[in-house]
Amino acid sequence: MKKLTLLLAFIACVLVSQVQAQTQSLPLIENFPYAAGTGLIGQAGWIILGTSTVNALVTTAPGSPAIAYLGYHGSEVGNEVSVANNGQDIADQFTPQYSGTIYYSVLVNTSAAQTGDYFLTLGEPSSSSFYLGRLYVKLDGAKIAFGILNNSGGTYTVTYTTSIYDLNVTYLAVVKVDVITGTSSLIINPAIRSSEPAAAFWITSSSPANGGVGGTNIPTAAGIGEINIRQGSSASAPTLRLDGLRVGQSWSSIFLGIDTTAPYIQLAPNLLNGFTYDKGAGPSAEQTFSLVGYNLTSDITIAPPINFQISKTSGSGFTSLPIILTQNAGSVDITTIYVRLKAGLNFDNYTDSILVSSNDATIKKVYCSGTVVGPTITPSITSLSNLNYNKGLGPSAEQSFSISGSVLESDIILTPSANLQLSKTSGSGFVGTPITLTQSAGIINSTNIYVRLKAGLNFANYLVLLY
């Protein structure tokens, strides 16, 4: 009986160990596909670091703007995670690495930043003390800068990018760490390609690389085996959203993998508005969106709606017919499409969608809206009052307003009602008949009109109209 008890205890320990350390093989891919509101602890190997449960990290539905980066395979896949400036820290473990280089990449959208703190780092498995490749963000005026740090503990200086990045904009950050030396480097918004950018395009931590595995930071037996999401100090840490987290042993493992084998089209932005022109003066100025395709079994078709035109070339080649983008080995490289509201439309508001499709891929839409401006008459005011006089002492003192017109197809005619008189000159020239303002090329510049209540009226209140 005692042997059975010991065996059951051993099995229980194994089960607990498996729950606490579900190490994953590399590359590790985390697109947070869990339902919105799901706590990350226990999902795909995520474990808690420390004991804090304040601001527990949970998945959230894509925010506004959505975290998207054209061409990156983790873009617009699954949900995302909101990271506060203090609270619960978590880790996802992977097979420990004892040599070579580890890369991680992530999409980051920062809504607020402070003096600077880190929010992602690599580390020793099941440790909250030994970190390498710490990724920072800080506020600098109205802009933000990203930073990188080699190590943890002791005196250190974070190496920051120039402060050229904006709040509420998504950026792709890639960090690489030399497993042995601990040297950590950072690149923001690299080109999506198979070859790693040259060293000149990276920033490298200036803090001493005092050791990775086997050095002063991480014991040889432990290795680097986890990626940590950290909610730092309330006085220094940023508030941000994360998505598309990847960890790999090479640049290509970060960028060449694809999260699905199904045909997939990615585009951005998916909303183009503000197309406009005056009637007779079309087409509108052009706007753009870009797209890319993966795992395609057929070409991509881009079909414009009836009132919009598209082109692959800025300033020329616009058509109301579909454009075909030919796939090559299942892919369409990043392509920019130019869009405009076509000429010859009547004045109105126009809203419609460009359809982007390929066999077996989800149809994507680019929503477009614009306006053709029609004849517009703009008076400076809409009413006049206190056109008064005592009986027998008329007319009233004059009052005035201005009027202008644009996109006119004919002159403006001002017609007073029976008890009003109008003039284009202050103090003279008043008539009770219509006044004509002549347009030139559809325009009437601002013109003063003088108004008075005519003489000879009986005492009464008069509501008079000008039309």
Protein backbone atom coordinates (compact mmCIF):
# COMPACT_ATOMS: atom_id res chain seq x y z
CA MET A 1 0.00 0.00 0.00
CA LYS A 2 2.88 2.32 0.81
CA LYS A 3 4.44 1.73 -2.64
CA LEU A 4 1.14 2.60 -4.34
CA THR A 5 0.94 5.83 -2.35
CA LEU A 6 4.46 6.79 -3.37
CA LEU A 7 3.72 6.03 -7.02
CA LEU A 8 0.57 8.18 -6.96
CA ALA A 9 2.50 11.00 -5.33
CA PHE A 10 5.15 10.78 -8.04
CA ILE A 11 2.49 10.93 -10.78
CA ALA A 12 0.90 13.94 -9.10
CA CYS A 13 4.24 15.72 -8.99
CA VAL A 14 4.82 15.05 -12.66
CA LEU A 15 1.38 16.43 -13.51
CA VAL A 16 1.97 19.59 -11.47
CA SER A 17 5.35 20.06 -13.10
CA GLN A 18 3.78 19.77 -16.54
CA VAL A 19 1.16 22.39 -15.74
CA GLN A 20 3.73 24.82 -14.42
CA ALA A 21 6.30 24.43 -17.20
CA GLN A 22 4.75 23.70 -20.57
CA THR A 23 7.92 24.51 -22.48
CA GLN A 24 7.45 25.11 -26.19
CA SER A 25 9.77 24.40 -29.05
CA LEU A 26 11.11 27.28 -31.15
CA PRO A 27 9.99 29.20 -32.98
CA LEU A 28 7.40 30.22 -30.38
CA ILE A 29 4.41 31.98 -31.95
CA GLU A 30 1.82 33.78 -29.81
CA ASN A 31 -1.02 35.63 -31.51
CA PHE A 32 -3.29 35.53 -28.45
CA PRO A 33 -6.08 33.57 -30.18
CA TYR A 34 -7.99 33.01 -26.95
CA ALA A 35 -11.43 34.55 -26.48
CA ALA A 36 -11.45 38.18 -25.36
CA GLY A 37 -11.32 38.38 -21.58
CA THR A 38 -9.33 35.16 -21.15
CA GLY A 39 -6.57 35.29 -18.53
CA LEU A 40 -3.21 34.32 -20.02
CA ILE A 41 -2.09 32.24 -17.05
CA GLY A 42 -2.41 28.60 -18.13
CA GLN A 43 -2.81 29.42 -21.84
CA ALA A 44 -0.12 27.82 -24.06
CA GLY A 45 2.42 27.70 -21.26
CA TRP A 46 2.01 31.16 -19.73
CA ILE A 47 2.88 31.20 -16.02
CA ILE A 48 2.90 33.93 -13.39
CA LEU A 49 6.11 35.60 -12.24
CA GLY A 50 6.02 36.67 -8.63
CA THR A 51 2.69 36.83 -6.83
CA SER A 52 0.96 40.02 -8.00
CA THR A 53 -2.47 39.59 -9.57
CA VAL A 54 -3.12 43.32 -9.94
CA ASN A 55 -4.07 44.19 -13.52
CA ALA A 56 -4.07 40.52 -14.50
CA LEU A 57 -3.02 40.13 -18.13
CA VAL A 58 -5.95 39.02 -20.28
CA THR A 59 -6.69 38.96 -23.98
CA THR A 60 -8.66 41.86 -25.40
CA ALA A 61 -10.46 42.29 -28.69
CA PRO A 62 -8.51 44.34 -31.24
CA GLY A 63 -8.57 47.99 -30.22
CA SER A 64 -8.80 51.14 -32.27
CA PRO A 65 -6.65 51.50 -34.17
CA ALA A 66 -6.11 47.77 -34.57
CA ILE A 67 -2.57 46.49 -34.12
CA ALA A 68 -1.56 45.92 -37.74
CA TYR A 69 1.74 45.89 -39.63
CA LEU A 70 1.54 45.04 -43.30
CA GLY A 71 3.59 41.98 -44.27
CA TYR A 72 4.18 40.73 -40.73
CA HIS A 73 2.59 37.33 -40.27
CA GLY A 74 1.41 38.09 -36.75
CA SER A 75 -0.54 41.14 -37.89
CA GLU A 76 -4.33 41.10 -37.40
CA VAL A 77 -4.29 37.47 -36.23
CA GLY A 78 -6.13 36.60 -33.02
CA ASN A 79 -6.69 39.12 -30.25
CA GLU A 80 -4.21 41.28 -28.34
CA VAL A 81 -3.01 42.00 -24.80
CA SER A 82 -3.22 45.31 -22.97
CA VAL A 83 -0.23 46.01 -20.70
CA ALA A 84 -0.65 48.50 -17.85
CA ASN A 85 2.06 50.48 -16.07
CA ASN A 86 1.99 48.22 -13.03
CA GLY A 87 0.68 44.79 -12.05
CA GLN A 88 0.99 41.10 -12.89
CA ASP A 89 4.08 39.82 -14.73
CA ILE A 90 3.97 36.59 -16.75
CA ALA A 91 6.29 34.31 -18.71
CA ASP A 92 6.00 31.80 -21.53
CA GLN A 93 8.70 29.14 -21.50
CA PHE A 94 10.48 27.54 -24.43
CA THR A 95 13.24 24.99 -24.87
CA PRO A 96 16.29 26.52 -23.12
CA GLN A 97 19.07 27.78 -25.39
CA TYR A 98 22.72 27.55 -24.35
CA SER A 99 24.48 29.11 -27.34
CA GLY A 100 23.89 31.02 -30.55
CA THR A 101 21.43 33.90 -30.93
CA ILE A 102 17.80 34.31 -29.88
CA TYR A 103 15.47 36.71 -31.66
CA TYR A 104 12.08 37.94 -30.58
CA SER A 105 9.63 40.21 -32.39
CA VAL A 106 6.42 41.90 -31.34
CA LEU A 107 3.88 44.47 -32.52
CA VAL A 108 3.62 47.38 -30.06
CA ASN A 109 1.07 50.19 -29.87
CA THR A 110 1.81 52.62 -27.01
CA SER A 111 -0.98 54.85 -25.72
CA ALA A 112 0.97 56.45 -22.85
CA ALA A 113 4.59 56.52 -21.71
CA GLN A 114 6.62 57.98 -18.88
CA THR A 115 10.30 58.16 -17.96
CA GLY A 116 11.02 54.67 -19.29
CA ASP A 117 10.64 51.04 -18.25
CA TYR A 118 10.81 47.65 -19.92
CA PHE A 119 7.81 45.56 -20.91
CA LEU A 120 9.38 42.51 -22.61
CA THR A 121 12.52 40.54 -21.87
CA LEU A 122 14.17 37.15 -22.28
CA GLY A 123 15.24 35.30 -19.17
CA GLU A 124 16.33 32.22 -17.30
CA PRO A 125 13.46 29.72 -17.01
CA SER A 126 11.29 30.18 -13.89
CA SER A 127 13.33 33.14 -12.72
CA SER A 128 12.32 36.71 -11.98
CA SER A 129 15.89 37.90 -11.54
CA PHE A 130 18.04 37.22 -14.61
CA TYR A 131 17.05 38.98 -17.83
CA LEU A 132 18.61 39.70 -21.22
CA GLY A 133 17.36 41.81 -24.13
CA ARG A 134 15.04 44.05 -22.15
CA LEU A 135 12.79 46.17 -24.40
CA TYR A 136 11.92 49.66 -23.12
CA VAL A 137 9.79 52.61 -24.18
CA LYS A 138 9.90 56.16 -22.81
CA LEU A 139 8.18 59.48 -23.49
CA ASP A 140 10.28 62.31 -24.92
CA GLY A 141 8.20 65.44 -25.45
CA ALA A 142 5.27 64.45 -27.66
CA LYS A 143 7.17 61.47 -29.11
CA ILE A 144 8.37 58.11 -27.80
CA ALA A 145 11.66 56.26 -28.04
CA PHE A 146 12.34 52.53 -27.77
CA GLY A 147 15.27 51.23 -25.72
CA ILE A 148 17.37 48.10 -25.26
CA LEU A 149 19.37 46.80 -22.30
CA ASN A 150 21.74 43.84 -22.16
CA ASN A 151 21.40 42.70 -18.62
CA SER A 152 19.72 42.88 -15.24
CA GLY A 153 21.00 44.00 -11.90
CA GLY A 154 23.66 46.53 -11.01
CA THR A 155 24.20 49.92 -12.56
CA TYR A 156 23.02 50.13 -16.14
CA THR A 157 22.19 52.61 -18.89
CA VAL A 158 19.42 51.93 -21.38
CA THR A 159 20.33 52.64 -25.02
CA TYR A 160 17.42 54.42 -26.74
CA THR A 161 16.48 55.06 -30.34
CA THR A 162 15.96 58.63 -31.47
CA SER A 163 12.59 60.01 -30.40
CA ILE A 164 10.81 59.86 -33.72
CA TYR A 165 7.98 57.47 -32.92
CA ASP A 166 4.36 58.39 -32.16
CA LEU A 167 1.85 57.38 -29.55
CA ASN A 168 -1.10 55.28 -30.76
CA VAL A 169 0.81 53.98 -33.79
CA THR A 170 1.78 50.33 -34.24
CA TYR A 171 5.49 49.50 -34.56
CA LEU A 172 7.30 46.23 -35.19
CA ALA A 173 10.16 45.73 -32.73
CA VAL A 174 12.78 43.00 -33.17
CA VAL A 175 15.35 42.17 -30.48
CA LYS A 176 18.31 39.82 -30.84
CA VAL A 177 20.42 38.51 -27.98
CA ASP A 178 23.76 36.71 -28.08
CA VAL A 179 23.17 33.81 -25.72
CA ILE A 180 26.78 33.64 -24.49
CA THR A 181 27.80 37.31 -24.22
CA GLY A 182 24.35 38.72 -23.49
CA THR A 183 24.84 41.46 -26.09
CA SER A 184 21.38 42.76 -27.02
CA SER A 185 20.33 44.75 -30.10
CA LEU A 186 17.10 46.34 -31.31
CA ILE A 187 15.60 47.34 -34.65
CA ILE A 188 12.26 49.10 -35.20
CA ASN A 189 10.14 48.62 -38.33
CA PRO A 190 12.61 46.54 -40.33
CA ALA A 191 11.88 45.57 -43.91
CA ILE A 192 10.00 42.27 -44.04
CA ARG A 193 12.48 40.07 -45.89
CA SER A 194 14.41 36.84 -45.51
CA SER A 195 17.84 38.40 -44.94
CA GLU A 196 18.74 40.12 -41.68
CA PRO A 197 19.48 43.87 -41.89
CA ALA A 198 23.12 44.91 -41.60
CA ALA A 199 24.52 45.86 -38.20
CA ALA A 200 24.32 49.56 -39.02
CA PHE A 201 20.51 49.38 -38.89
CA TRP A 202 20.43 48.00 -35.34
CA ILE A 203 21.04 49.80 -32.05
CA THR A 204 23.03 47.80 -29.52
CA SER A 205 22.93 48.23 -25.77
CA SER A 206 25.87 50.27 -24.51
CA SER A 207 25.56 48.68 -21.08
CA PRO A 208 28.37 46.19 -20.45
CA ALA A 209 27.62 42.72 -21.79
CA ASN A 210 28.65 41.04 -18.56
CA GLY A 211 27.58 37.63 -19.56
CA GLY A 212 24.76 35.53 -20.83
CA VAL A 213 24.63 31.79 -20.23
CA GLY A 214 27.56 30.87 -18.02
CA GLY A 215 28.35 34.49 -17.28
CA THR A 216 27.44 36.68 -14.33
CA ASN A 217 23.75 36.71 -15.26
CA ILE A 218 22.58 33.21 -16.08
CA PRO A 219 23.99 29.90 -14.84
CA THR A 220 25.22 27.53 -17.55
CA ALA A 221 22.76 24.83 -16.53
CA ALA A 222 19.73 27.11 -16.84
CA GLY A 223 20.08 28.66 -20.29
CA ILE A 224 17.72 31.24 -21.76
CA GLY A 225 14.28 29.70 -21.78
CA GLU A 226 11.44 32.18 -21.40
CA ILE A 227 9.93 35.40 -22.73
CA ASN A 228 8.44 37.69 -20.10
CA ILE A 229 5.71 40.33 -20.32
CA ARG A 230 6.25 42.85 -17.56
CA GLN A 231 4.00 45.56 -16.14
CA GLY A 232 6.57 47.81 -14.51
CA SER A 233 6.62 50.76 -12.18
CA SER A 234 3.59 53.08 -12.06
CA ALA A 235 6.00 56.03 -12.10
CA SER A 236 8.00 55.03 -15.18
CA ALA A 237 6.33 52.28 -17.21
CA PRO A 238 4.29 52.65 -20.42
CA THR A 239 0.71 51.67 -21.18
CA LEU A 240 0.51 49.71 -24.41
CA ARG A 241 -0.98 46.88 -26.45
CA LEU A 242 0.92 43.84 -27.77
CA ASP A 243 0.29 41.29 -30.49
CA GLY A 244 2.17 38.98 -32.84
CA LEU A 245 4.83 37.82 -30.39
CA ARG A 246 7.49 35.47 -31.84
CA VAL A 247 10.67 33.90 -30.49
CA GLY A 248 13.16 32.11 -32.75
CA GLN A 249 16.78 31.16 -33.24
CA SER A 250 17.28 33.09 -36.48
CA TRP A 251 15.97 36.09 -38.39
CA SER A 252 14.29 33.79 -40.90
CA SER A 253 12.48 31.87 -38.17
CA ILE A 254 10.82 35.14 -37.17
CA PHE A 255 9.83 36.30 -40.65
CA LEU A 256 9.55 33.32 -42.97
CA GLY A 257 7.08 31.24 -40.97
CA ILE A 258 3.37 31.69 -41.59
CA ASP A 259 0.71 31.14 -38.97
CA THR A 260 -1.73 29.45 -41.32
CA THR A 261 -1.50 27.42 -44.50
CA ALA A 262 -4.78 28.85 -45.79
CA PRO A 263 -4.78 31.55 -48.48
CA TYR A 264 -4.57 34.90 -46.73
CA ILE A 265 -4.77 38.55 -47.83
CA GLN A 266 -3.62 41.37 -45.60
CA LEU A 267 -4.23 45.06 -46.31
CA ALA A 268 -4.01 48.46 -44.63
CA PRO A 269 -5.62 50.84 -44.16
CA ASN A 270 -9.12 49.54 -44.72
CA LEU A 271 -10.78 52.97 -44.59
CA LEU A 272 -10.22 55.83 -47.03
CA ASN A 273 -12.36 58.92 -46.57
CA GLY A 274 -12.32 62.59 -47.46
CA PHE A 275 -12.30 62.20 -51.24
CA THR A 276 -13.76 65.44 -52.58
CA TYR A 277 -14.00 67.81 -55.52
CA ASP A 278 -16.29 70.57 -56.73
CA LYS A 279 -18.84 69.51 -59.30
CA GLY A 280 -17.28 69.68 -62.74
CA ALA A 281 -13.73 69.72 -61.35
CA GLY A 282 -13.11 66.00 -60.76
CA PRO A 283 -11.53 63.60 -60.20
CA SER A 284 -10.54 63.85 -56.53
CA ALA A 285 -7.00 63.71 -55.22
CA GLU A 286 -5.74 60.13 -54.85
CA GLN A 287 -5.29 58.14 -51.65
CA THR A 288 -3.59 54.77 -51.13
CA PHE A 289 -3.79 51.41 -49.43
CA SER A 290 -1.34 48.51 -49.55
CA LEU A 291 -1.82 44.76 -49.57
CA VAL A 292 0.08 41.50 -49.48
CA GLY A 293 -0.93 37.86 -50.05
CA TYR A 294 0.27 34.49 -48.68
CA ASN A 295 -0.43 30.84 -49.55
CA LEU A 296 -2.49 31.88 -52.53
CA THR A 297 -3.95 29.42 -55.02
CA SER A 298 -4.98 32.15 -57.46
CA ASP A 299 -4.27 35.77 -58.32
CA ILE A 300 -5.63 38.67 -56.28
CA THR A 301 -8.48 40.64 -57.84
CA ILE A 302 -9.10 44.24 -56.77
CA ALA A 303 -12.55 45.41 -57.85
CA PRO A 304 -13.49 49.09 -57.46
CA PRO A 305 -17.08 50.24 -56.92
CA ILE A 306 -18.81 52.18 -59.67
CA ASN A 307 -17.92 55.67 -58.44
CA PHE A 308 -14.26 55.08 -57.60
CA GLN A 309 -11.21 54.30 -59.71
CA ILE A 310 -7.98 52.46 -58.90
CA SER A 311 -4.44 52.29 -60.28
CA LYS A 312 -1.08 50.70 -59.54
CA THR A 313 0.64 53.96 -60.49
CA SER A 314 0.40 57.35 -58.83
CA GLY A 315 -1.09 59.97 -61.11
CA SER A 316 -1.97 57.75 -64.06
CA GLY A 317 -3.49 54.48 -65.17
CA PHE A 318 -6.74 54.86 -63.23
CA THR A 319 -9.50 52.46 -64.20
CA SER A 320 -12.99 51.48 -63.16
CA LEU A 321 -12.20 47.87 -64.07
CA PRO A 322 -10.71 45.27 -61.71
CA ILE A 323 -6.93 45.09 -61.34
CA ILE A 324 -5.30 41.67 -61.18
CA LEU A 325 -2.18 41.08 -59.06
CA THR A 326 -0.41 37.91 -60.21
CA GLN A 327 0.69 35.55 -57.47
CA ASN A 328 4.12 33.95 -57.63
CA ALA A 329 4.58 30.67 -55.75
CA GLY A 330 1.52 31.52 -53.68
CA SER A 331 2.59 35.05 -52.74
CA VAL A 332 1.91 38.61 -53.79
CA ASP A 333 4.50 41.05 -52.49
CA ILE A 334 3.49 44.29 -50.79
CA THR A 335 1.71 46.37 -53.42
CA THR A 336 0.39 49.92 -53.18
CA ILE A 337 -2.96 50.72 -54.83
CA TYR A 338 -4.02 54.29 -55.62
CA VAL A 339 -7.69 55.27 -55.30
CA ARG A 340 -9.71 58.30 -56.37
CA LEU A 341 -13.34 59.43 -56.68
CA LYS A 342 -13.96 59.49 -60.41
CA ALA A 343 -14.79 62.62 -62.43
CA GLY A 344 -18.19 63.53 -63.86
CA LEU A 345 -20.33 62.78 -60.82
CA ASN A 346 -23.26 64.89 -59.70
CA PHE A 347 -23.04 66.64 -56.36
CA ASP A 348 -23.71 64.09 -53.63
CA ASN A 349 -22.08 61.95 -50.95
CA TYR A 350 -20.57 58.66 -52.14
CA THR A 351 -19.82 55.64 -49.95
CA ASP A 352 -18.81 52.19 -51.17
CA SER A 353 -16.20 49.42 -50.86
CA ILE A 354 -13.29 48.12 -52.90
CA LEU A 355 -13.33 44.31 -52.83
CA VAL A 356 -10.02 42.43 -52.64
CA SER A 357 -10.30 38.69 -53.26
CA SER A 358 -8.51 35.47 -54.16
CA ASN A 359 -9.86 31.92 -54.30
CA ASP A 360 -10.38 30.45 -50.82
CA ALA A 361 -9.09 33.60 -49.08
CA THR A 362 -11.39 35.75 -46.97
CA ILE A 363 -12.57 38.71 -49.02
CA LYS A 364 -11.17 41.96 -47.71
CA LYS A 365 -12.80 45.38 -48.13
CA VAL A 366 -11.46 48.90 -48.30
CA TYR A 367 -14.25 51.30 -47.32
CA CYS A 368 -14.25 54.54 -49.33
CA SER A 369 -16.26 57.72 -48.88
CA GLY A 370 -16.22 61.08 -50.58
CA THR A 371 -18.23 64.10 -51.62
CA VAL A 372 -18.84 65.98 -54.85
CA VAL A 373 -19.59 69.50 -53.75
CA GLY A 374 -22.55 71.16 -55.50
CA PRO A 375 -23.67 74.78 -55.75
CA THR A 376 -23.28 76.44 -52.37
CA ILE A 377 -24.67 79.79 -51.25
CA THR A 378 -23.29 81.02 -47.94
CA PRO A 379 -24.93 83.98 -46.14
CA SER A 380 -23.14 85.41 -43.12
CA ILE A 381 -26.37 85.37 -41.09
CA THR A 382 -29.80 83.81 -41.39
CA SER A 383 -31.96 86.54 -39.82
CA LEU A 384 -32.19 90.29 -39.19
CA SER A 385 -34.31 91.98 -36.53
CA ASN A 386 -35.17 95.46 -35.22
CA LEU A 387 -35.77 97.05 -38.63
CA ASN A 388 -37.94 99.67 -36.87
CA TYR A 389 -39.24 103.20 -37.36
CA ASN A 390 -42.09 105.33 -36.05
CA LYS A 391 -45.08 105.70 -38.36
CA GLY A 392 -44.49 108.45 -40.90
CA LEU A 393 -40.72 108.53 -40.32
CA GLY A 394 -39.62 105.59 -42.49
CA PRO A 395 -37.64 103.96 -43.89
CA SER A 396 -35.81 102.08 -41.11
CA ALA A 397 -32.10 102.32 -40.57
CA GLU A 398 -30.26 99.84 -42.77
CA GLN A 399 -28.67 96.61 -41.64
CA SER A 400 -26.38 94.39 -43.65
CA PHE A 401 -25.15 90.88 -44.25
CA SER A 402 -22.68 89.31 -46.66
CA ILE A 403 -23.22 86.50 -49.12
CA SER A 404 -20.91 84.35 -51.24
CA GLY A 405 -21.27 81.40 -53.57
CA SER A 406 -19.20 78.55 -54.98
CA VAL A 407 -19.62 75.83 -57.59
CA LEU A 408 -22.47 77.92 -59.01
CA GLU A 409 -24.14 77.06 -62.28
CA SER A 410 -26.02 80.38 -62.46
CA ASP A 411 -26.14 83.82 -60.82
CA ILE A 412 -27.51 84.42 -57.32
CA ILE A 413 -30.81 86.34 -57.30
CA LEU A 414 -31.89 88.02 -54.07
CA THR A 415 -35.64 88.69 -53.99
CA PRO A 416 -37.05 90.81 -51.14
CA SER A 417 -40.57 90.38 -49.83
CA ALA A 418 -43.09 93.22 -50.30
CA ASN A 419 -42.00 95.39 -47.36
CA LEU A 420 -38.21 95.12 -47.75
CA GLN A 421 -35.76 97.07 -49.85
CA LEU A 422 -32.24 95.98 -50.84
CA SER A 423 -29.10 97.66 -52.05
CA LYS A 424 -25.46 96.75 -52.81
CA THR A 425 -24.43 100.23 -51.62
CA SER A 426 -24.72 101.61 -48.11
CA GLY A 427 -27.05 104.62 -47.92
CA SER A 428 -28.35 104.61 -51.52
CA GLY A 429 -29.66 102.52 -54.37
CA PHE A 430 -32.38 100.74 -52.38
CA VAL A 431 -34.99 98.89 -54.47
CA GLY A 432 -37.88 96.59 -53.76
CA THR A 433 -37.11 94.41 -56.75
CA PRO A 434 -34.69 91.43 -57.11
CA ILE A 435 -30.92 92.06 -57.09
CA THR A 436 -28.67 89.86 -59.21
CA LEU A 437 -25.13 88.85 -58.16
CA THR A 438 -23.21 87.64 -61.19
CA GLN A 439 -21.04 84.53 -60.84
CA SER A 440 -17.68 84.15 -62.55
CA ALA A 441 -16.39 80.62 -63.12
CA GLY A 442 -18.95 79.44 -60.58
CA ILE A 443 -17.73 81.83 -57.86
CA ILE A 444 -19.24 84.87 -56.21
CA ASN A 445 -16.90 86.44 -53.69
CA SER A 446 -18.26 87.76 -50.42
CA THR A 447 -20.60 90.68 -51.21
CA ASN A 448 -22.29 93.05 -48.74
CA ILE A 449 -26.07 93.44 -49.03
CA TYR A 450 -27.87 96.27 -47.25
CA VAL A 451 -31.47 95.84 -46.05
CA ARG A 452 -34.13 98.22 -44.74
CA LEU A 453 -37.86 98.25 -44.01
CA LYS A 454 -39.40 100.51 -46.62
CA ALA A 455 -41.17 103.80 -45.83
CA GLY A 456 -44.93 104.39 -45.87
CA LEU A 457 -46.03 101.36 -43.89
CA ASN A 458 -48.79 101.38 -41.31
CA PHE A 459 -47.89 100.60 -37.73
CA ALA A 460 -47.60 96.82 -37.28
CA ASN A 461 -45.13 94.00 -36.81
CA TYR A 462 -43.72 92.76 -40.10
CA LEU A 463 -42.19 89.37 -40.78
CA VAL A 464 -40.40 89.82 -44.08
CA LEU A 465 -38.48 87.32 -46.16
CA LEU A 466 -35.51 87.45 -48.44
CA TYR A 467 -35.12 84.54 -50.83
